[in-house]
N, C-alpha and C. Protein backbone atom coordinates (compact mmCIF):
# COMPACT_ATOMS: atom_id res chain seq x y z
N MET A 1 0.92 -1.06 0.11
CA MET A 1 0.21 -0.02 0.12
C MET A 1 0.79 1.31 -0.22
N LYS A 2 0.56 2.17 -0.85
CA LYS A 2 1.27 3.47 -0.85
C LYS A 2 0.71 4.27 0.11
N THR A 3 1.51 5.60 0.16
CA THR A 3 0.92 6.47 1.56
C THR A 3 0.99 7.77 0.83
N PHE A 4 -0.16 8.46 1.02
CA PHE A 4 -0.29 10.07 0.69
C PHE A 4 -0.58 10.78 1.88
N LEU A 5 0.13 12.02 1.80
CA LEU A 5 -0.14 12.95 2.76
C LEU A 5 -1.20 14.01 2.16
N HIS A 6 -2.32 14.11 3.14
CA HIS A 6 -3.45 15.07 2.42
C HIS A 6 -3.12 16.18 3.57
N VAL A 7 -2.61 17.16 2.94
CA VAL A 7 -2.19 18.53 3.45
C VAL A 7 -3.54 19.23 3.52
N GLY A 8 -3.72 20.10 4.59
CA GLY A 8 -4.61 20.86 4.56
C GLY A 8 -5.92 20.36 4.49
N CYS A 9 -6.07 19.32 5.34
CA CYS A 9 -7.17 18.41 4.96
C CYS A 9 -8.45 19.00 5.33
N GLY A 10 -8.44 19.68 6.50
CA GLY A 10 -9.97 20.28 7.08
C GLY A 10 -10.42 19.01 7.54
N ARG A 11 -11.84 19.00 7.41
CA ARG A 11 -12.62 17.88 7.84
C ARG A 11 -12.59 16.79 6.69
N SER A 12 -12.07 16.95 5.91
CA SER A 12 -12.02 15.88 4.51
C SER A 12 -11.29 14.84 4.74
N ASN A 13 -11.44 13.72 4.21
CA ASN A 13 -10.45 12.60 4.33
C ASN A 13 -10.29 11.88 2.72
N LYS A 14 -9.95 10.94 2.89
CA LYS A 14 -9.38 10.43 1.23
C LYS A 14 -10.74 10.01 0.44
N SER A 15 -11.83 10.09 1.10
CA SER A 15 -13.12 9.47 0.15
C SER A 15 -13.31 10.52 -0.70
N ASN A 16 -12.74 12.04 -0.36
CA ASN A 16 -13.16 13.54 -1.21
C ASN A 16 -11.93 13.41 -2.01
N ALA A 17 -11.06 12.47 -2.23
CA ALA A 17 -9.67 12.86 -2.79
C ALA A 17 -9.65 11.92 -4.09
N GLN A 18 -10.06 12.43 -5.18
CA GLN A 18 -9.94 11.81 -6.44
C GLN A 18 -8.58 10.75 -6.66
N GLY A 19 -8.40 9.56 -7.02
CA GLY A 19 -7.49 8.76 -7.09
C GLY A 19 -6.84 8.00 -5.98
N PHE A 20 -7.16 8.72 -4.91
CA PHE A 20 -6.69 8.21 -3.48
C PHE A 20 -7.85 7.52 -2.86
N ASN A 21 -8.91 7.57 -3.31
CA ASN A 21 -10.18 7.20 -2.55
C ASN A 21 -10.36 5.72 -2.67
N ASN A 22 -9.21 4.82 -2.54
CA ASN A 22 -9.53 3.18 -2.99
C ASN A 22 -8.37 2.63 -1.72
N ASP A 23 -8.54 1.55 -1.74
CA ASP A 23 -7.44 0.58 -0.81
C ASP A 23 -6.15 0.44 -1.23
N ASN A 24 -5.59 1.28 -2.29
CA ASN A 24 -4.12 1.07 -2.71
C ASN A 24 -3.70 2.41 -2.01
N TRP A 25 -4.19 3.08 -1.48
CA TRP A 25 -3.50 4.27 -0.87
C TRP A 25 -3.96 4.10 0.84
N LYS A 26 -2.75 4.66 1.59
CA LYS A 26 -2.98 4.90 2.89
C LYS A 26 -3.04 6.56 3.01
N GLU A 27 -3.97 6.98 4.04
CA GLU A 27 -3.91 8.66 4.25
C GLU A 27 -3.26 8.90 5.50
N ILE A 28 -2.35 9.92 5.44
CA ILE A 28 -1.94 10.98 6.69
C ILE A 28 -2.63 11.93 6.53
N ARG A 29 -3.41 12.68 7.50
CA ARG A 29 -4.05 13.68 7.24
C ARG A 29 -3.20 14.84 8.04
N PHE A 30 -3.05 16.08 7.43
CA PHE A 30 -2.08 16.89 8.07
C PHE A 30 -2.80 18.45 7.85
N ASP A 31 -3.09 18.96 9.27
CA ASP A 31 -3.59 19.99 9.21
C ASP A 31 -3.05 21.11 10.18
N ILE A 32 -3.30 22.27 10.13
CA ILE A 32 -3.08 23.37 11.15
C ILE A 32 -4.00 23.09 12.21
N ASP A 33 -5.29 23.09 12.07
CA ASP A 33 -6.11 22.87 13.03
C ASP A 33 -6.68 21.66 13.85
N LYS A 34 -6.31 21.76 15.01
CA LYS A 34 -6.12 20.33 15.81
C LYS A 34 -7.61 20.14 15.95
N ASN A 35 -8.52 21.04 15.98
CA ASN A 35 -9.96 20.69 15.86
C ASN A 35 -10.56 19.68 14.71
N VAL A 36 -9.82 19.38 13.78
CA VAL A 36 -10.24 18.54 12.56
C VAL A 36 -9.73 17.09 12.61
N ASN A 37 -8.95 16.95 13.91
CA ASN A 37 -8.09 15.81 14.41
C ASN A 37 -7.46 15.08 13.40
N PRO A 38 -6.39 15.96 12.80
CA PRO A 38 -5.54 15.44 11.92
C PRO A 38 -4.50 14.20 12.36
N ASP A 39 -3.95 13.57 11.77
CA ASP A 39 -2.98 12.58 12.13
C ASP A 39 -1.50 13.42 12.67
N ILE A 40 -1.37 14.39 12.04
CA ILE A 40 -0.26 15.27 12.19
C ILE A 40 -0.69 16.64 12.20
N GLU A 41 -0.41 17.39 13.31
CA GLU A 41 -0.85 19.04 13.38
C GLU A 41 0.26 19.61 13.04
N GLY A 42 0.21 20.60 12.17
CA GLY A 42 1.25 21.26 11.54
C GLY A 42 1.20 22.30 10.59
N THR A 43 2.13 23.02 9.89
CA THR A 43 1.70 23.78 8.90
C THR A 43 2.61 23.38 7.68
N LEU A 44 2.39 23.94 6.46
CA LEU A 44 2.85 23.84 5.16
C LEU A 44 4.07 24.22 5.27
N LEU A 45 4.47 25.13 6.12
CA LEU A 45 5.83 25.85 6.03
C LEU A 45 6.65 24.98 7.12
N ASP A 46 6.22 24.08 7.80
CA ASP A 46 7.08 23.38 8.69
C ASP A 46 6.32 21.79 8.86
N MET A 47 7.10 21.13 8.02
CA MET A 47 6.50 19.64 7.91
C MET A 47 7.51 18.71 8.54
N SER A 48 8.10 19.35 9.52
CA SER A 48 9.39 18.40 10.06
C SER A 48 9.08 17.11 10.65
N GLN A 49 7.64 17.13 11.10
CA GLN A 49 7.10 15.70 11.66
C GLN A 49 6.97 14.66 10.68
N VAL A 50 7.28 15.12 9.37
CA VAL A 50 7.23 14.12 8.28
C VAL A 50 8.26 13.51 7.97
N GLU A 51 8.78 12.46 7.80
CA GLU A 51 10.18 12.03 7.48
C GLU A 51 10.53 12.30 6.10
N THR A 52 11.59 12.64 5.96
CA THR A 52 12.12 12.83 4.38
C THR A 52 12.35 11.54 3.67
N GLY A 53 11.55 11.79 2.46
CA GLY A 53 11.27 10.58 1.64
C GLY A 53 10.41 9.61 1.76
N SER A 54 9.41 9.87 2.81
CA SER A 54 8.65 8.65 3.38
C SER A 54 7.41 8.84 2.63
N ILE A 55 6.88 9.51 1.69
CA ILE A 55 5.74 9.57 1.17
C ILE A 55 5.68 9.54 -0.25
N ASP A 56 4.63 8.73 -0.76
CA ASP A 56 4.34 8.54 -2.21
C ASP A 56 3.67 9.47 -2.98
N ALA A 57 2.86 10.22 -2.46
CA ALA A 57 2.10 11.57 -2.90
C ALA A 57 1.79 12.49 -2.07
N ILE A 58 1.51 13.64 -2.40
CA ILE A 58 0.95 14.57 -1.55
C ILE A 58 -0.54 15.16 -2.21
N TYR A 59 -1.38 15.34 -1.39
CA TYR A 59 -2.65 15.90 -2.11
C TYR A 59 -3.00 17.04 -1.37
N SER A 60 -2.90 18.17 -2.11
CA SER A 60 -3.02 19.68 -1.68
C SER A 60 -4.15 20.35 -2.23
N CYS A 61 -5.32 20.08 -1.78
CA CYS A 61 -6.54 20.80 -2.32
C CYS A 61 -7.14 21.99 -1.67
N HIS A 62 -6.82 23.30 -2.19
CA HIS A 62 -7.10 24.42 -1.76
C HIS A 62 -6.72 24.93 -0.68
N ASN A 63 -5.21 24.77 -0.53
CA ASN A 63 -4.35 25.37 0.65
C ASN A 63 -3.29 25.93 0.34
N ILE A 64 -2.64 25.82 -0.69
CA ILE A 64 -1.55 26.50 -1.06
C ILE A 64 -1.67 27.98 -1.05
N GLU A 65 -2.99 28.49 -1.29
CA GLU A 65 -3.18 30.15 -1.49
C GLU A 65 -3.16 30.58 -0.10
N HIS A 66 -3.07 29.69 0.89
CA HIS A 66 -3.14 30.40 2.31
C HIS A 66 -1.82 30.60 2.78
N VAL A 67 -1.03 30.71 2.19
CA VAL A 67 0.53 31.28 2.37
C VAL A 67 1.08 32.39 1.68
N TYR A 68 1.96 33.23 1.92
CA TYR A 68 2.37 34.54 1.27
C TYR A 68 3.06 34.22 0.09
N PRO A 69 3.12 34.68 -1.03
CA PRO A 69 3.80 34.41 -1.94
C PRO A 69 5.33 34.15 -1.78
N HIS A 70 5.87 34.92 -1.06
CA HIS A 70 7.38 34.39 -0.49
C HIS A 70 7.70 33.26 0.07
N GLU A 71 6.46 32.66 0.56
CA GLU A 71 6.47 31.73 1.45
C GLU A 71 6.16 30.21 0.43
N ILE A 72 5.90 30.39 -0.77
CA ILE A 72 5.63 29.20 -1.57
C ILE A 72 6.72 28.37 -1.75
N PRO A 73 8.07 28.93 -2.06
CA PRO A 73 9.21 28.30 -2.30
C PRO A 73 9.34 27.31 -1.23
N ILE A 74 9.24 27.82 0.06
CA ILE A 74 9.39 26.89 1.43
C ILE A 74 8.56 25.91 1.24
N VAL A 75 7.18 26.06 1.06
CA VAL A 75 6.11 24.98 0.86
C VAL A 75 6.42 23.94 -0.06
N LEU A 76 6.87 24.38 -1.18
CA LEU A 76 7.35 23.42 -2.32
C LEU A 76 8.54 22.75 -2.06
N LYS A 77 9.43 23.21 -1.20
CA LYS A 77 10.73 22.59 -0.80
C LYS A 77 10.42 21.46 -0.13
N GLU A 78 9.51 21.66 1.08
CA GLU A 78 9.11 20.88 2.05
C GLU A 78 8.40 19.64 1.39
N PHE A 79 7.56 20.07 0.38
CA PHE A 79 6.78 18.81 -0.49
C PHE A 79 8.04 17.95 -1.26
N LEU A 80 8.86 18.51 -1.77
CA LEU A 80 10.14 17.70 -2.37
C LEU A 80 10.95 16.90 -1.24
N ARG A 81 10.99 17.40 -0.20
CA ARG A 81 11.80 16.69 0.81
C ARG A 81 10.98 15.36 1.36
N VAL A 82 9.62 15.57 1.52
CA VAL A 82 9.07 14.32 1.99
C VAL A 82 8.54 13.50 1.14
N LEU A 83 8.65 13.82 -0.25
CA LEU A 83 8.28 12.74 -1.23
C LEU A 83 9.40 11.80 -1.56
N ASN A 84 9.09 10.39 -1.73
CA ASN A 84 10.29 9.57 -2.45
C ASN A 84 10.65 10.08 -3.62
N ASP A 85 11.51 9.38 -4.27
CA ASP A 85 12.23 9.45 -5.38
C ASP A 85 11.12 9.53 -6.60
N ASP A 86 10.23 8.49 -6.42
CA ASP A 86 8.86 8.43 -7.37
C ASP A 86 7.76 9.24 -7.19
N GLY A 87 7.79 10.20 -6.13
CA GLY A 87 6.40 10.78 -5.69
C GLY A 87 6.02 11.91 -6.59
N PHE A 88 4.86 12.38 -6.17
CA PHE A 88 4.25 13.37 -7.03
C PHE A 88 3.30 14.23 -6.06
N VAL A 89 2.71 15.33 -6.82
CA VAL A 89 1.99 16.30 -5.97
C VAL A 89 0.68 16.75 -6.67
N VAL A 90 -0.35 16.32 -6.01
CA VAL A 90 -1.59 16.79 -6.85
C VAL A 90 -2.15 18.04 -6.07
N THR A 91 -2.09 19.14 -6.90
CA THR A 91 -2.49 20.53 -6.44
C THR A 91 -3.74 20.80 -7.07
N LEU A 92 -4.81 21.41 -6.23
CA LEU A 92 -6.00 22.32 -6.79
C LEU A 92 -5.84 23.23 -6.17
N CYS A 93 -6.07 24.46 -6.67
CA CYS A 93 -6.38 25.81 -6.23
C CYS A 93 -7.00 26.64 -7.09
N PRO A 94 -7.46 27.79 -6.34
CA PRO A 94 -8.35 28.62 -7.28
C PRO A 94 -7.54 29.32 -8.60
N ASP A 95 -8.42 29.49 -9.49
CA ASP A 95 -8.02 30.09 -10.67
C ASP A 95 -8.41 31.62 -10.85
N LEU A 96 -7.35 32.45 -10.67
CA LEU A 96 -7.37 34.05 -10.46
C LEU A 96 -7.94 34.49 -12.22
N ILE A 97 -7.68 33.90 -13.20
CA ILE A 97 -7.87 34.38 -14.30
C ILE A 97 -9.74 34.20 -14.53
N SER A 98 -10.22 33.20 -14.34
CA SER A 98 -11.82 33.08 -14.56
C SER A 98 -12.32 33.89 -13.22
N THR A 99 -11.61 33.76 -12.05
CA THR A 99 -12.36 34.53 -10.92
C THR A 99 -12.40 36.14 -11.30
N CYS A 100 -11.21 36.69 -12.04
CA CYS A 100 -11.03 38.04 -12.24
C CYS A 100 -12.15 38.42 -13.44
N GLU A 101 -12.22 37.63 -14.24
CA GLU A 101 -13.32 37.76 -15.43
C GLU A 101 -14.74 37.89 -14.62
N ALA A 102 -14.87 37.17 -13.56
CA ALA A 102 -16.24 37.48 -12.83
C ALA A 102 -16.16 38.79 -12.06
N VAL A 103 -15.28 39.13 -11.74
CA VAL A 103 -14.95 40.51 -10.90
C VAL A 103 -15.23 41.59 -12.14
N VAL A 104 -14.76 41.47 -13.15
CA VAL A 104 -14.54 42.47 -14.19
C VAL A 104 -16.00 42.76 -14.56
N GLN A 105 -17.13 41.66 -14.45
CA GLN A 105 -18.39 41.59 -14.77
C GLN A 105 -19.23 42.21 -13.66
N ASP A 106 -18.54 42.76 -12.70
CA ASP A 106 -18.99 43.28 -11.24
C ASP A 106 -19.84 42.51 -10.81
N LYS A 107 -19.38 41.22 -10.60
CA LYS A 107 -19.84 40.04 -9.88
C LYS A 107 -19.27 39.62 -8.52
N LEU A 108 -18.59 40.62 -7.84
CA LEU A 108 -17.50 40.48 -6.74
C LEU A 108 -18.30 39.70 -5.61
N TYR A 109 -19.48 39.95 -5.48
CA TYR A 109 -20.30 39.19 -4.36
C TYR A 109 -21.22 38.34 -4.77
N ASP A 110 -21.38 38.13 -6.00
CA ASP A 110 -22.47 37.32 -6.70
C ASP A 110 -22.05 35.80 -6.60
N PRO A 111 -22.97 34.83 -5.98
CA PRO A 111 -22.47 33.30 -5.82
C PRO A 111 -22.21 32.92 -7.32
N LEU A 112 -20.75 32.21 -7.53
CA LEU A 112 -20.50 31.74 -8.73
C LEU A 112 -20.92 30.21 -8.86
N TYR A 113 -21.01 29.47 -7.63
CA TYR A 113 -21.37 28.17 -7.51
C TYR A 113 -21.62 27.86 -6.02
N GLU A 114 -22.36 26.34 -5.79
CA GLU A 114 -22.49 26.10 -4.64
C GLU A 114 -21.32 25.07 -4.15
N SER A 115 -20.98 25.11 -2.93
CA SER A 115 -19.84 24.11 -2.53
C SER A 115 -20.57 23.47 -1.27
N GLN A 116 -19.90 22.73 -0.53
CA GLN A 116 -20.27 21.95 0.68
C GLN A 116 -20.54 23.09 1.79
N ALA A 117 -19.71 24.05 1.73
CA ALA A 117 -19.60 25.10 2.55
C ALA A 117 -20.94 26.26 2.45
N GLY A 118 -21.45 26.38 1.10
CA GLY A 118 -22.23 27.23 0.78
C GLY A 118 -21.81 27.83 -0.60
N PRO A 119 -22.70 28.95 -0.81
CA PRO A 119 -22.37 29.71 -2.20
C PRO A 119 -21.07 30.32 -2.01
N ILE A 120 -20.35 30.34 -3.06
CA ILE A 120 -19.03 30.86 -3.32
C ILE A 120 -18.88 31.97 -4.21
N ALA A 121 -18.63 33.24 -3.78
CA ALA A 121 -18.60 34.18 -4.92
C ALA A 121 -17.10 34.49 -5.01
N PRO A 122 -16.90 35.54 -6.01
CA PRO A 122 -15.37 35.95 -6.07
C PRO A 122 -14.46 36.34 -4.83
N ILE A 123 -15.32 37.16 -4.17
CA ILE A 123 -14.84 37.53 -3.01
C ILE A 123 -14.04 36.72 -1.96
N ASP A 124 -15.01 35.24 -2.08
CA ASP A 124 -14.38 34.10 -1.25
C ASP A 124 -12.95 33.37 -1.75
N ILE A 125 -13.15 33.70 -3.11
CA ILE A 125 -11.90 32.90 -3.97
C ILE A 125 -10.87 33.71 -3.73
N LEU A 126 -11.18 34.86 -3.90
CA LEU A 126 -9.91 36.01 -3.76
C LEU A 126 -9.30 36.15 -2.43
N TYR A 127 -9.94 36.23 -1.36
CA TYR A 127 -9.50 36.29 -0.05
C TYR A 127 -9.81 35.55 1.22
N GLY A 128 -10.36 34.53 0.66
CA GLY A 128 -10.87 33.30 1.54
C GLY A 128 -12.36 33.50 2.05
N LEU A 129 -12.86 32.16 2.21
CA LEU A 129 -14.09 31.99 2.71
C LEU A 129 -14.85 32.89 3.76
N ARG A 130 -15.42 33.82 3.53
CA ARG A 130 -16.00 34.76 4.42
C ARG A 130 -16.51 34.23 5.83
N SER A 131 -17.49 32.92 5.71
CA SER A 131 -17.99 32.30 6.62
C SER A 131 -17.09 31.64 7.70
N ASP A 132 -15.84 31.09 7.07
CA ASP A 132 -14.65 30.64 8.01
C ASP A 132 -14.11 31.81 8.73
N LEU A 133 -13.76 33.13 8.03
CA LEU A 133 -13.00 34.02 8.68
C LEU A 133 -14.10 34.77 9.64
N GLN A 134 -15.14 34.81 9.37
CA GLN A 134 -16.18 35.30 10.34
C GLN A 134 -16.10 34.53 11.59
N LYS A 135 -15.90 33.29 11.69
CA LYS A 135 -15.60 32.37 12.78
C LYS A 135 -14.20 32.57 13.37
N GLY A 136 -13.56 33.86 13.15
CA GLY A 136 -12.09 33.67 13.67
C GLY A 136 -11.00 32.84 13.16
N ASN A 137 -11.33 31.95 12.03
CA ASN A 137 -10.46 31.00 11.33
C ASN A 137 -9.29 31.89 10.59
N HIS A 138 -8.51 32.84 10.88
CA HIS A 138 -8.03 33.65 10.22
C HIS A 138 -6.81 33.04 9.33
N TYR A 139 -6.11 31.88 9.69
CA TYR A 139 -5.29 30.85 8.93
C TYR A 139 -6.08 30.46 7.48
N MET A 140 -7.34 30.58 7.57
CA MET A 140 -8.32 30.31 6.12
C MET A 140 -8.24 31.58 5.14
N ALA A 141 -7.71 32.53 5.65
CA ALA A 141 -7.43 33.72 4.56
C ALA A 141 -6.58 33.26 3.44
N HIS A 142 -6.89 33.81 2.32
CA HIS A 142 -6.10 33.88 1.17
C HIS A 142 -5.12 34.75 1.13
N LYS A 143 -3.65 34.58 0.92
CA LYS A 143 -2.77 35.36 0.95
C LYS A 143 -2.02 35.43 -0.15
N CYS A 144 -2.24 34.75 -1.21
CA CYS A 144 -1.76 34.90 -2.65
C CYS A 144 -2.37 34.13 -3.58
N GLY A 145 -2.31 34.09 -4.85
CA GLY A 145 -3.15 33.71 -6.00
C GLY A 145 -2.33 33.22 -6.89
N PHE A 146 -2.96 32.48 -8.10
CA PHE A 146 -2.34 31.89 -9.07
C PHE A 146 -3.04 31.96 -10.45
N THR A 147 -2.24 31.96 -11.38
CA THR A 147 -2.74 31.45 -12.76
C THR A 147 -2.05 30.04 -12.84
N TYR A 148 -2.32 29.32 -13.95
CA TYR A 148 -1.66 28.44 -14.32
C TYR A 148 0.00 28.21 -14.38
N SER A 149 0.10 29.42 -15.41
CA SER A 149 1.72 29.58 -15.66
C SER A 149 2.24 29.77 -14.36
N SER A 150 1.65 30.90 -13.71
CA SER A 150 2.48 31.18 -12.35
C SER A 150 2.35 29.95 -11.26
N LEU A 151 1.86 29.22 -11.09
CA LEU A 151 1.60 27.94 -10.24
C LEU A 151 2.68 27.24 -10.78
N LEU A 152 2.55 26.81 -11.87
CA LEU A 152 3.66 26.05 -12.61
C LEU A 152 5.09 26.36 -12.44
N ASN A 153 5.23 27.68 -12.60
CA ASN A 153 6.49 27.94 -12.62
C ASN A 153 7.14 27.99 -11.17
N PHE A 154 6.21 28.11 -10.04
CA PHE A 154 6.75 28.05 -8.54
C PHE A 154 7.16 26.53 -8.65
N PHE A 155 6.53 25.49 -9.05
CA PHE A 155 6.84 24.01 -9.12
C PHE A 155 8.22 23.79 -9.85
N ILE A 156 8.26 24.24 -11.00
CA ILE A 156 9.58 24.15 -11.79
C ILE A 156 10.82 24.68 -10.97
N ASP A 157 10.56 25.95 -10.58
CA ASP A 157 11.75 26.74 -9.83
C ASP A 157 12.21 26.04 -8.50
N ALA A 158 11.14 25.13 -7.74
CA ALA A 158 11.40 24.25 -6.77
C ALA A 158 12.07 23.23 -7.08
N GLY A 159 12.13 22.78 -8.23
CA GLY A 159 12.95 21.46 -8.45
C GLY A 159 12.20 20.40 -9.25
N PHE A 160 10.75 20.64 -9.33
CA PHE A 160 10.00 19.21 -9.75
C PHE A 160 10.27 19.01 -11.37
N LYS A 161 10.53 17.74 -11.76
CA LYS A 161 11.08 17.73 -12.99
C LYS A 161 9.98 17.60 -14.05
N LYS A 162 8.57 16.96 -13.79
CA LYS A 162 7.54 16.88 -14.98
C LYS A 162 6.67 17.12 -14.48
N TRP A 163 5.41 17.47 -15.04
CA TRP A 163 4.07 17.90 -14.77
C TRP A 163 2.90 17.74 -15.90
N ILE A 164 1.81 17.76 -15.35
CA ILE A 164 0.53 17.84 -16.36
C ILE A 164 -0.46 18.46 -15.46
N GLY A 165 -1.17 19.10 -16.46
CA GLY A 165 -2.45 19.94 -15.46
C GLY A 165 -3.08 20.87 -16.48
N GLY A 166 -3.93 21.87 -15.99
CA GLY A 166 -4.35 23.06 -16.66
C GLY A 166 -5.44 23.92 -15.74
N THR A 167 -6.44 24.37 -16.45
CA THR A 167 -7.49 25.06 -16.02
C THR A 167 -8.76 24.51 -16.23
N ARG A 168 -9.64 24.96 -15.05
CA ARG A 168 -11.06 24.36 -15.27
C ARG A 168 -11.89 25.34 -14.88
N PRO A 169 -12.17 26.26 -15.99
CA PRO A 169 -12.66 27.80 -15.70
C PRO A 169 -14.17 27.74 -15.26
N LYS A 170 -14.67 26.89 -15.62
CA LYS A 170 -16.21 26.70 -15.13
C LYS A 170 -16.11 26.31 -13.63
N HIS A 171 -15.10 26.00 -13.30
CA HIS A 171 -15.12 25.47 -11.62
C HIS A 171 -14.33 26.58 -11.05
N TYR A 172 -13.50 27.66 -11.87
CA TYR A 172 -12.95 28.56 -11.05
C TYR A 172 -11.55 28.10 -10.26
N GLU A 173 -11.12 26.97 -11.14
CA GLU A 173 -10.02 25.97 -10.41
C GLU A 173 -8.74 25.74 -11.42
N LEU A 174 -7.48 25.56 -10.81
CA LEU A 174 -6.48 25.15 -11.50
C LEU A 174 -6.12 23.57 -11.05
N CYS A 175 -5.60 22.84 -11.86
CA CYS A 175 -5.04 21.61 -11.18
C CYS A 175 -3.82 21.44 -11.97
N LEU A 176 -2.79 20.52 -10.98
CA LEU A 176 -1.77 20.40 -11.49
C LEU A 176 -0.98 19.01 -10.75
N ILE A 177 -0.66 18.19 -11.53
CA ILE A 177 0.32 17.14 -10.75
C ILE A 177 1.89 17.54 -11.43
N ALA A 178 2.58 17.78 -10.23
CA ALA A 178 4.09 17.76 -10.31
C ALA A 178 4.74 16.56 -9.76
N CYS A 179 5.52 16.08 -10.52
CA CYS A 179 6.51 15.09 -10.11
C CYS A 179 7.96 15.36 -9.65
N LYS A 180 8.38 14.44 -8.81
CA LYS A 180 9.85 14.89 -8.18
C LYS A 180 10.80 14.72 -9.21
N ASN A 181 10.54 13.74 -9.93
CA ASN A 181 11.52 13.00 -11.02
C ASN A 181 10.78 12.80 -12.05
N GLU A 182 11.57 12.40 -13.45
CA GLU A 182 11.20 12.32 -14.73
C GLU A 182 10.13 11.34 -14.96
N LYS A 183 9.26 11.57 -15.85
CA LYS A 183 8.16 10.85 -16.19
C LYS A 183 8.10 10.72 -17.69
N THR A 184 7.60 9.67 -18.26
CA THR A 184 7.24 9.73 -19.45
C THR A 184 5.70 10.29 -19.75
N ASN A 185 5.67 10.90 -20.96
CA ASN A 185 4.42 11.55 -21.40
C ASN A 185 3.14 10.29 -20.87
N GLU A 186 3.39 9.03 -21.23
CA GLU A 186 2.49 8.16 -21.03
C GLU A 186 2.17 7.85 -19.42
N GLU A 187 3.24 8.06 -18.66
CA GLU A 187 3.04 8.00 -17.36
C GLU A 187 2.08 9.25 -16.82
N LEU A 188 2.55 10.46 -17.22
CA LEU A 188 2.05 11.66 -16.90
C LEU A 188 0.40 11.33 -17.39
N ASN A 189 0.25 11.11 -18.54
CA ASN A 189 -1.22 10.86 -18.76
C ASN A 189 -2.04 9.93 -17.81
N ILE A 190 -1.42 8.71 -17.58
CA ILE A 190 -2.01 7.65 -16.57
C ILE A 190 -2.34 8.65 -15.25
N LEU A 191 -1.41 9.22 -14.69
CA LEU A 191 -1.56 10.11 -13.50
C LEU A 191 -2.75 10.82 -13.80
N ALA A 192 -2.69 11.69 -14.80
CA ALA A 192 -3.67 12.76 -14.92
C ALA A 192 -5.02 12.17 -15.06
N SER A 193 -5.22 10.93 -15.66
CA SER A 193 -6.57 10.35 -15.85
C SER A 193 -7.04 9.68 -14.55
N GLU A 194 -6.11 9.42 -13.57
CA GLU A 194 -6.42 8.82 -12.31
C GLU A 194 -6.64 10.05 -11.15
N PHE A 195 -5.93 10.93 -11.37
CA PHE A 195 -5.88 11.76 -10.07
C PHE A 195 -6.46 13.39 -10.26
N LEU A 196 -6.63 13.69 -11.67
CA LEU A 196 -7.31 14.97 -12.07
C LEU A 196 -8.69 15.12 -12.15
N PRO A 197 -9.32 16.03 -11.66
CA PRO A 197 -10.90 15.97 -12.16
C PRO A 197 -11.03 16.32 -13.61
């Protein structure tokens, strides 16, 4: 059985993680909030409780936007450190291009879609979910954002060797698989078909 680190898991578990929601994967839940009962309590900036080279994959769903731009390289170096040589990261995060297109249409506070947490407007995508922030969960604030090319460039600069992904404009979302080491195009396509929405 392979092991994946579910970073910023919140209340979610592997049943919500495409490709990991089967018996082939053991989940380690990692979060800053002790109230969601993670296996490891920590931050993306300090994953020292996770052994170097011990993880087969990382699932990062809508949490990389919670650090400042200058901290992104620190996060990605931690991702690289904990992954084994064949490891990869699945990242999903907000797409600022499609979000800003909605803002340009003067829809800043208009719901764009329904989530498990309720209606989501561009203001929530840009700055963090208002309902969480209102509860005092200030670590849920969004401190940076990405277009697909900028997200990919951060991963390339961090040392990831191969990648596949793209934009999901109707979902206001970016998706990326970044691999620690070389993969063939065929291997990348297999990963994408299994782990990307």
